[in-house]
Amino acid sequence: MTPELFSLLAMKSIGVAIGVFVGVVIGLNVRARKGNRQNLFRDSVFATAFLASMIAWAFVIIMRAVLG
């Protein structure tokens, strides 16, 4: 895989990362306001949402590279 192809795949997949980040922030904020802050990365809603979005983004890039 060339660097140009990797950057193209990354740019085409950024919408997934943004969508996952927004969805996780909303969901975890509701959960945290109810007092359930267990299992959050570094006890932070935003850090957990960022981690989830980066994992989803990497997964989509890999899937697009493998499946074409």
PDB file of N, CA and C in Angstrom:
ATOM      1  N   MET A   1       0.844  -1.163   0.000  1.00  0.00           N
ATOM      2  CA  MET A   1       0.000   0.000   0.000  1.00  0.00           C
ATOM      3  C   MET A   1       0.898   1.237   0.000  1.00  0.00           C
ATOM      4  N   THR A   2       0.615   2.126  -0.889  1.00  0.00           N
ATOM      5  CA  THR A   2       1.402   3.349  -0.993  1.00  0.00           C
ATOM      6  C   THR A   2       0.910   4.385   0.021  1.00  0.00           C
ATOM      7  N   PRO A   3       1.742   5.336   0.382  1.00  0.00           N
ATOM      8  CA  PRO A   3       1.304   6.385   1.313  1.00  0.00           C
ATOM      9  C   PRO A   3       0.127   7.199   0.772  1.00  0.00           C
ATOM     10  N   GLU A   4       0.074   7.370  -0.544  1.00  0.00           N
ATOM     11  CA  GLU A   4      -1.038   8.123  -1.131  1.00  0.00           C
ATOM     12  C   GLU A   4      -2.348   7.367  -0.950  1.00  0.00           C
ATOM     13  N   LEU A   5      -2.304   6.049  -1.129  1.00  0.00           N
ATOM     14  CA  LEU A   5      -3.509   5.243  -0.952  1.00  0.00           C
ATOM     15  C   LEU A   5      -3.948   5.255   0.501  1.00  0.00           C
ATOM     16  N   PHE A   6      -3.004   5.162   1.412  1.00  0.00           N
ATOM     17  CA  PHE A   6      -3.344   5.180   2.832  1.00  0.00           C
ATOM     18  C   PHE A   6      -4.002   6.501   3.222  1.00  0.00           C
ATOM     19  N   SER A   7      -3.456   7.614   2.749  1.00  0.00           N
ATOM     20  CA  SER A   7      -4.049   8.911   3.094  1.00  0.00           C
ATOM     21  C   SER A   7      -5.426   9.074   2.468  1.00  0.00           C
ATOM     22  N   LEU A   8      -5.623   8.536   1.269  1.00  0.00           N
ATOM     23  CA  LEU A   8      -6.945   8.583   0.644  1.00  0.00           C
ATOM     24  C   LEU A   8      -7.950   7.764   1.444  1.00  0.00           C
ATOM     25  N   LEU A   9      -7.564   6.569   1.861  1.00  0.00           N
ATOM     26  CA  LEU A   9      -8.451   5.739   2.678  1.00  0.00           C
ATOM     27  C   LEU A   9      -8.769   6.417   4.007  1.00  0.00           C
ATOM     28  N   ALA A  10      -7.784   7.070   4.599  1.00  0.00           N
ATOM     29  CA  ALA A  10      -7.999   7.762   5.868  1.00  0.00           C
ATOM     30  C   ALA A  10      -8.980   8.917   5.708  1.00  0.00           C
ATOM     31  N   MET A  11      -8.844   9.687   4.628  1.00  0.00           N
ATOM     32  CA  MET A  11      -9.749  10.816   4.403  1.00  0.00           C
ATOM     33  C   MET A  11     -11.165  10.342   4.098  1.00  0.00           C
ATOM     34  N   LYS A  12     -11.293   9.236   3.359  1.00  0.00           N
ATOM     35  CA  LYS A  12     -12.618   8.718   3.028  1.00  0.00           C
ATOM     36  C   LYS A  12     -13.321   8.126   4.241  1.00  0.00           C
ATOM     37  N   SER A  13     -12.568   7.774   5.272  1.00  0.00           N
ATOM     38  CA  SER A  13     -13.134   7.112   6.442  1.00  0.00           C
ATOM     39  C   SER A  13     -13.319   8.043   7.635  1.00  0.00           C
ATOM     40  N   ILE A  14     -12.991   9.304   7.509  1.00  0.00           N
ATOM     41  CA  ILE A  14     -13.039  10.212   8.648  1.00  0.00           C
ATOM     42  C   ILE A  14     -14.467  10.438   9.144  1.00  0.00           C
ATOM     43  N   GLY A  15     -15.446  10.297   8.278  1.00  0.00           N
ATOM     44  CA  GLY A  15     -16.839  10.459   8.694  1.00  0.00           C
ATOM     45  C   GLY A  15     -17.256   9.444   9.736  1.00  0.00           C
ATOM     46  N   VAL A  16     -16.714   8.246   9.631  1.00  0.00           N
ATOM     47  CA  VAL A  16     -17.006   7.208  10.619  1.00  0.00           C
ATOM     48  C   VAL A  16     -16.494   7.631  11.988  1.00  0.00           C
ATOM     49  N   ALA A  17     -15.288   8.155  12.038  1.00  0.00           N
ATOM     50  CA  ALA A  17     -14.701   8.575  13.314  1.00  0.00           C
ATOM     51  C   ALA A  17     -15.502   9.714  13.936  1.00  0.00           C
ATOM     52  N   ILE A  18     -15.927  10.655  13.126  1.00  0.00           N
ATOM     53  CA  ILE A  18     -16.704  11.783  13.648  1.00  0.00           C
ATOM     54  C   ILE A  18     -18.053  11.308  14.167  1.00  0.00           C
ATOM     55  N   GLY A  19     -18.704  10.444  13.411  1.00  0.00           N
ATOM     56  CA  GLY A  19     -19.999   9.918  13.833  1.00  0.00           C
ATOM     57  C   GLY A  19     -19.917   9.112  15.113  1.00  0.00           C
ATOM     58  N   VAL A  20     -18.912   8.269  15.221  1.00  0.00           N
ATOM     59  CA  VAL A  20     -18.740   7.475  16.440  1.00  0.00           C
ATOM     60  C   VAL A  20     -18.430   8.385  17.621  1.00  0.00           C
ATOM     61  N   PHE A  21     -17.580   9.379  17.421  1.00  0.00           N
ATOM     62  CA  PHE A  21     -17.235  10.297  18.509  1.00  0.00           C
ATOM     63  C   PHE A  21     -18.474  11.019  19.031  1.00  0.00           C
ATOM     64  N   VAL A  22     -19.266  11.575  18.140  1.00  0.00           N
ATOM     65  CA  VAL A  22     -20.464  12.314  18.558  1.00  0.00           C
ATOM     66  C   VAL A  22     -21.450  11.383  19.265  1.00  0.00           C
ATOM     67  N   GLY A  23     -21.671  10.211  18.701  1.00  0.00           N
ATOM     68  CA  GLY A  23     -22.601   9.265  19.310  1.00  0.00           C
ATOM     69  C   GLY A  23     -22.157   8.800  20.683  1.00  0.00           C
ATOM     70  N   VAL A  24     -20.884   8.507  20.827  1.00  0.00           N
ATOM     71  CA  VAL A  24     -20.377   8.040  22.120  1.00  0.00           C
ATOM     72  C   VAL A  24     -20.395   9.166  23.146  1.00  0.00           C
ATOM     73  N   VAL A  25     -20.078  10.381  22.736  1.00  0.00           N
ATOM     74  CA  VAL A  25     -20.129  11.512  23.678  1.00  0.00           C
ATOM     75  C   VAL A  25     -21.547  11.700  24.198  1.00  0.00           C
ATOM     76  N   ILE A  26     -22.524  11.651  23.322  1.00  0.00           N
ATOM     77  CA  ILE A  26     -23.917  11.816  23.751  1.00  0.00           C
ATOM     78  C   ILE A  26     -24.323  10.688  24.692  1.00  0.00           C
ATOM     79  N   GLY A  27     -24.039   9.459  24.294  1.00  0.00           N
ATOM     80  CA  GLY A  27     -24.426   8.321  25.118  1.00  0.00           C
ATOM     81  C   GLY A  27     -23.741   8.295  26.469  1.00  0.00           C
ATOM     82  N   LEU A  28     -22.449   8.567  26.489  1.00  0.00           N
ATOM     83  CA  LEU A  28     -21.730   8.530  27.761  1.00  0.00           C
ATOM     84  C   LEU A  28     -22.048   9.725  28.645  1.00  0.00           C
ATOM     85  N   ASN A  29     -22.393  10.867  28.059  1.00  0.00           N
ATOM     86  CA  ASN A  29     -22.807  12.007  28.881  1.00  0.00           C
ATOM     87  C   ASN A  29     -24.094  11.696  29.621  1.00  0.00           C
ATOM     88  N   VAL A  30     -25.029  11.058  28.945  1.00  0.00           N
ATOM     89  CA  VAL A  30     -26.279  10.670  29.602  1.00  0.00           C
ATOM     90  C   VAL A  30     -25.979   9.698  30.739  1.00  0.00           C
ATOM     91  N   ARG A  31     -25.120   8.741  30.462  1.00  0.00           N
ATOM     92  CA  ARG A  31     -24.754   7.743  31.467  1.00  0.00           C
ATOM     93  C   ARG A  31     -24.011   8.380  32.642  1.00  0.00           C
ATOM     94  N   ALA A  32     -23.107   9.304  32.358  1.00  0.00           N
ATOM     95  CA  ALA A  32     -22.322   9.935  33.423  1.00  0.00           C
ATOM     96  C   ALA A  32     -23.183  10.845  34.289  1.00  0.00           C
ATOM     97  N   ARG A  33     -24.164  11.481  33.699  1.00  0.00           N
ATOM     98  CA  ARG A  33     -25.043  12.362  34.482  1.00  0.00           C
ATOM     99  C   ARG A  33     -25.900  11.575  35.465  1.00  0.00           C
ATOM    100  N   LYS A  34     -26.153  10.314  35.140  1.00  0.00           N
ATOM    101  CA  LYS A  34     -26.910   9.458  36.058  1.00  0.00           C
ATOM    102  C   LYS A  34     -26.023   8.914  37.171  1.00  0.00           C
ATOM    103  N   GLY A  35     -24.733   9.206  37.113  1.00  0.00           N
ATOM    104  CA  GLY A  35     -23.818   8.801  38.163  1.00  0.00           C
ATOM    105  C   GLY A  35     -23.037   7.539  37.870  1.00  0.00           C
ATOM    106  N   ASN A  36     -23.190   6.978  36.694  1.00  0.00           N
ATOM    107  CA  ASN A  36     -22.489   5.743  36.346  1.00  0.00           C
ATOM    108  C   ASN A  36     -21.265   6.081  35.497  1.00  0.00           C
ATOM    109  N   ARG A  37     -20.137   6.300  36.163  1.00  0.00           N
ATOM    110  CA  ARG A  37     -18.901   6.642  35.456  1.00  0.00           C
ATOM    111  C   ARG A  37     -17.931   5.470  35.430  1.00  0.00           C
ATOM    112  N   GLN A  38     -18.427   4.279  35.674  1.00  0.00           N
ATOM    113  CA  GLN A  38     -17.566   3.098  35.663  1.00  0.00           C
ATOM    114  C   GLN A  38     -17.136   2.775  34.240  1.00  0.00           C
ATOM    115  N   ASN A  39     -15.948   2.190  34.126  1.00  0.00           N
ATOM    116  CA  ASN A  39     -15.400   1.696  32.859  1.00  0.00           C
ATOM    117  C   ASN A  39     -15.120   2.787  31.831  1.00  0.00           C
ATOM    118  N   LEU A  40     -14.920   4.016  32.266  1.00  0.00           N
ATOM    119  CA  LEU A  40     -14.518   5.077  31.353  1.00  0.00           C
ATOM    120  C   LEU A  40     -12.996   5.134  31.308  1.00  0.00           C
ATOM    121  N   PHE A  41     -12.459   5.354  30.129  1.00  0.00           N
ATOM    122  CA  PHE A  41     -11.012   5.478  29.982  1.00  0.00           C
ATOM    123  C   PHE A  41     -10.554   6.754  30.678  1.00  0.00           C
ATOM    124  N   ARG A  42      -9.660   6.622  31.622  1.00  0.00           N
ATOM    125  CA  ARG A  42      -9.143   7.736  32.431  1.00  0.00           C
ATOM    126  C   ARG A  42     -10.260   8.526  33.111  1.00  0.00           C
ATOM    127  N   ASP A  43     -11.368   7.866  33.354  1.00  0.00           N
ATOM    128  CA  ASP A  43     -12.533   8.463  34.020  1.00  0.00           C
ATOM    129  C   ASP A  43     -13.038   9.707  33.285  1.00  0.00           C
ATOM    130  N   SER A  44     -12.930   9.689  31.952  1.00  0.00           N
ATOM    131  CA  SER A  44     -13.299  10.841  31.136  1.00  0.00           C
ATOM    132  C   SER A  44     -14.198  10.411  29.982  1.00  0.00           C
ATOM    133  N   VAL A  45     -15.297  11.124  29.815  1.00  0.00           N
ATOM    134  CA  VAL A  45     -16.212  10.848  28.710  1.00  0.00           C
ATOM    135  C   VAL A  45     -15.531  11.147  27.379  1.00  0.00           C
ATOM    136  N   PHE A  46     -14.844  12.271  27.291  1.00  0.00           N
ATOM    137  CA  PHE A  46     -14.236  12.672  26.023  1.00  0.00           C
ATOM    138  C   PHE A  46     -13.054  11.789  25.648  1.00  0.00           C
ATOM    139  N   ALA A  47     -12.266  11.363  26.625  1.00  0.00           N
ATOM    140  CA  ALA A  47     -11.155  10.456  26.323  1.00  0.00           C
ATOM    141  C   ALA A  47     -11.678   9.107  25.835  1.00  0.00           C
ATOM    142  N   THR A  48     -12.746   8.623  26.448  1.00  0.00           N
ATOM    143  CA  THR A  48     -13.340   7.356  26.024  1.00  0.00           C
ATOM    144  C   THR A  48     -13.934   7.483  24.628  1.00  0.00           C
ATOM    145  N   ALA A  49     -14.609   8.589  24.352  1.00  0.00           N
ATOM    146  CA  ALA A  49     -15.194   8.803  23.029  1.00  0.00           C
ATOM    147  C   ALA A  49     -14.110   8.923  21.968  1.00  0.00           C
ATOM    148  N   PHE A  50     -13.024   9.611  22.289  1.00  0.00           N
ATOM    149  CA  PHE A  50     -11.921   9.740  21.339  1.00  0.00           C
ATOM    150  C   PHE A  50     -11.300   8.385  21.049  1.00  0.00           C
ATOM    151  N   LEU A  51     -11.083   7.593  22.074  1.00  0.00           N
ATOM    152  CA  LEU A  51     -10.513   6.260  21.898  1.00  0.00           C
ATOM    153  C   LEU A  51     -11.428   5.385  21.040  1.00  0.00           C
ATOM    154  N   ALA A  52     -12.723   5.430  21.300  1.00  0.00           N
ATOM    155  CA  ALA A  52     -13.672   4.636  20.511  1.00  0.00           C
ATOM    156  C   ALA A  52     -13.683   5.084  19.052  1.00  0.00           C
ATOM    157  N   SER A  53     -13.612   6.385  18.816  1.00  0.00           N
ATOM    158  CA  SER A  53     -13.641   6.874  17.436  1.00  0.00           C
ATOM    159  C   SER A  53     -12.369   6.506  16.683  1.00  0.00           C
ATOM    160  N   MET A  54     -11.226   6.530  17.343  1.00  0.00           N
ATOM    161  CA  MET A  54      -9.974   6.153  16.679  1.00  0.00           C
ATOM    162  C   MET A  54      -9.931   4.658  16.374  1.00  0.00           C
ATOM    163  N   ILE A  55     -10.482   3.842  17.260  1.00  0.00           N
ATOM    164  CA  ILE A  55     -10.552   2.401  16.995  1.00  0.00           C
ATOM    165  C   ILE A  55     -11.472   2.132  15.811  1.00  0.00           C
ATOM    166  N   ALA A  56     -12.622   2.800  15.774  1.00  0.00           N
ATOM    167  CA  ALA A  56     -13.548   2.617  14.652  1.00  0.00           C
ATOM    168  C   ALA A  56     -12.926   3.100  13.347  1.00  0.00           C
ATOM    169  N   TRP A  57     -12.227   4.215  13.391  1.00  0.00           N
ATOM    170  CA  TRP A  57     -11.574   4.768  12.203  1.00  0.00           C
ATOM    171  C   TRP A  57     -10.519   3.814  11.667  1.00  0.00           C
ATOM    172  N   ALA A  58      -9.687   3.287  12.562  1.00  0.00           N
ATOM    173  CA  ALA A  58      -8.652   2.334  12.143  1.00  0.00           C
ATOM    174  C   ALA A  58      -9.276   1.070  11.569  1.00  0.00           C
ATOM    175  N   PHE A  59     -10.358   0.604  12.179  1.00  0.00           N
ATOM    176  CA  PHE A  59     -11.040  -0.592  11.688  1.00  0.00           C
ATOM    177  C   PHE A  59     -11.568  -0.380  10.270  1.00  0.00           C
ATOM    178  N   VAL A  60     -12.175   0.765  10.012  1.00  0.00           N
ATOM    179  CA  VAL A  60     -12.722   1.044   8.681  1.00  0.00           C
ATOM    180  C   VAL A  60     -11.603   1.174   7.647  1.00  0.00           C
ATOM    181  N   ILE A  61     -10.504   1.801   8.007  1.00  0.00           N
ATOM    182  CA  ILE A  61      -9.371   1.910   7.078  1.00  0.00           C
ATOM    183  C   ILE A  61      -8.852   0.526   6.719  1.00  0.00           C
ATOM    184  N   ILE A  62      -8.700  -0.327   7.718  1.00  0.00           N
ATOM    185  CA  ILE A  62      -8.219  -1.688   7.457  1.00  0.00           C
ATOM    186  C   ILE A  62      -9.208  -2.456   6.593  1.00  0.00           C
ATOM    187  N   MET A  63     -10.488  -2.333   6.881  1.00  0.00           N
ATOM    188  CA  MET A  63     -11.501  -3.047   6.090  1.00  0.00           C
ATOM    189  C   MET A  63     -11.519  -2.556   4.641  1.00  0.00           C
ATOM    190  N   ARG A  64     -11.390  -1.258   4.445  1.00  0.00           N
ATOM    191  CA  ARG A  64     -11.359  -0.740   3.068  1.00  0.00           C
ATOM    192  C   ARG A  64     -10.101  -1.183   2.331  1.00  0.00           C
ATOM    193  N   ALA A  65      -8.994  -1.283   3.040  1.00  0.00           N
ATOM    194  CA  ALA A  65      -7.747  -1.719   2.407  1.00  0.00           C
ATOM    195  C   ALA A  65      -7.810  -3.198   2.044  1.00  0.00           C
ATOM    196  N   VAL A  66      -8.410  -3.997   2.908  1.00  0.00           N
ATOM    197  CA  VAL A  66      -8.472  -5.442   2.674  1.00  0.00           C
ATOM    198  C   VAL A  66      -9.528  -5.791   1.632  1.00  0.00           C
ATOM    199  N   LEU A  67     -10.706  -5.200   1.774  1.00  0.00           N
ATOM    200  CA  LEU A  67     -11.818  -5.543   0.883  1.00  0.00           C
ATOM    201  C   LEU A  67     -11.795  -4.769  -0.429  1.00  0.00           C
ATOM    202  N   GLY A  68     -11.048  -3.714  -0.475  1.00  0.00           N
ATOM    203  CA  GLY A  68     -10.934  -2.949  -1.716  1.00  0.00           C
ATOM    204  C   GLY A  68     -11.902  -1.870  -1.744  1.00  0.00           C
TER     205      GLY A  68
END
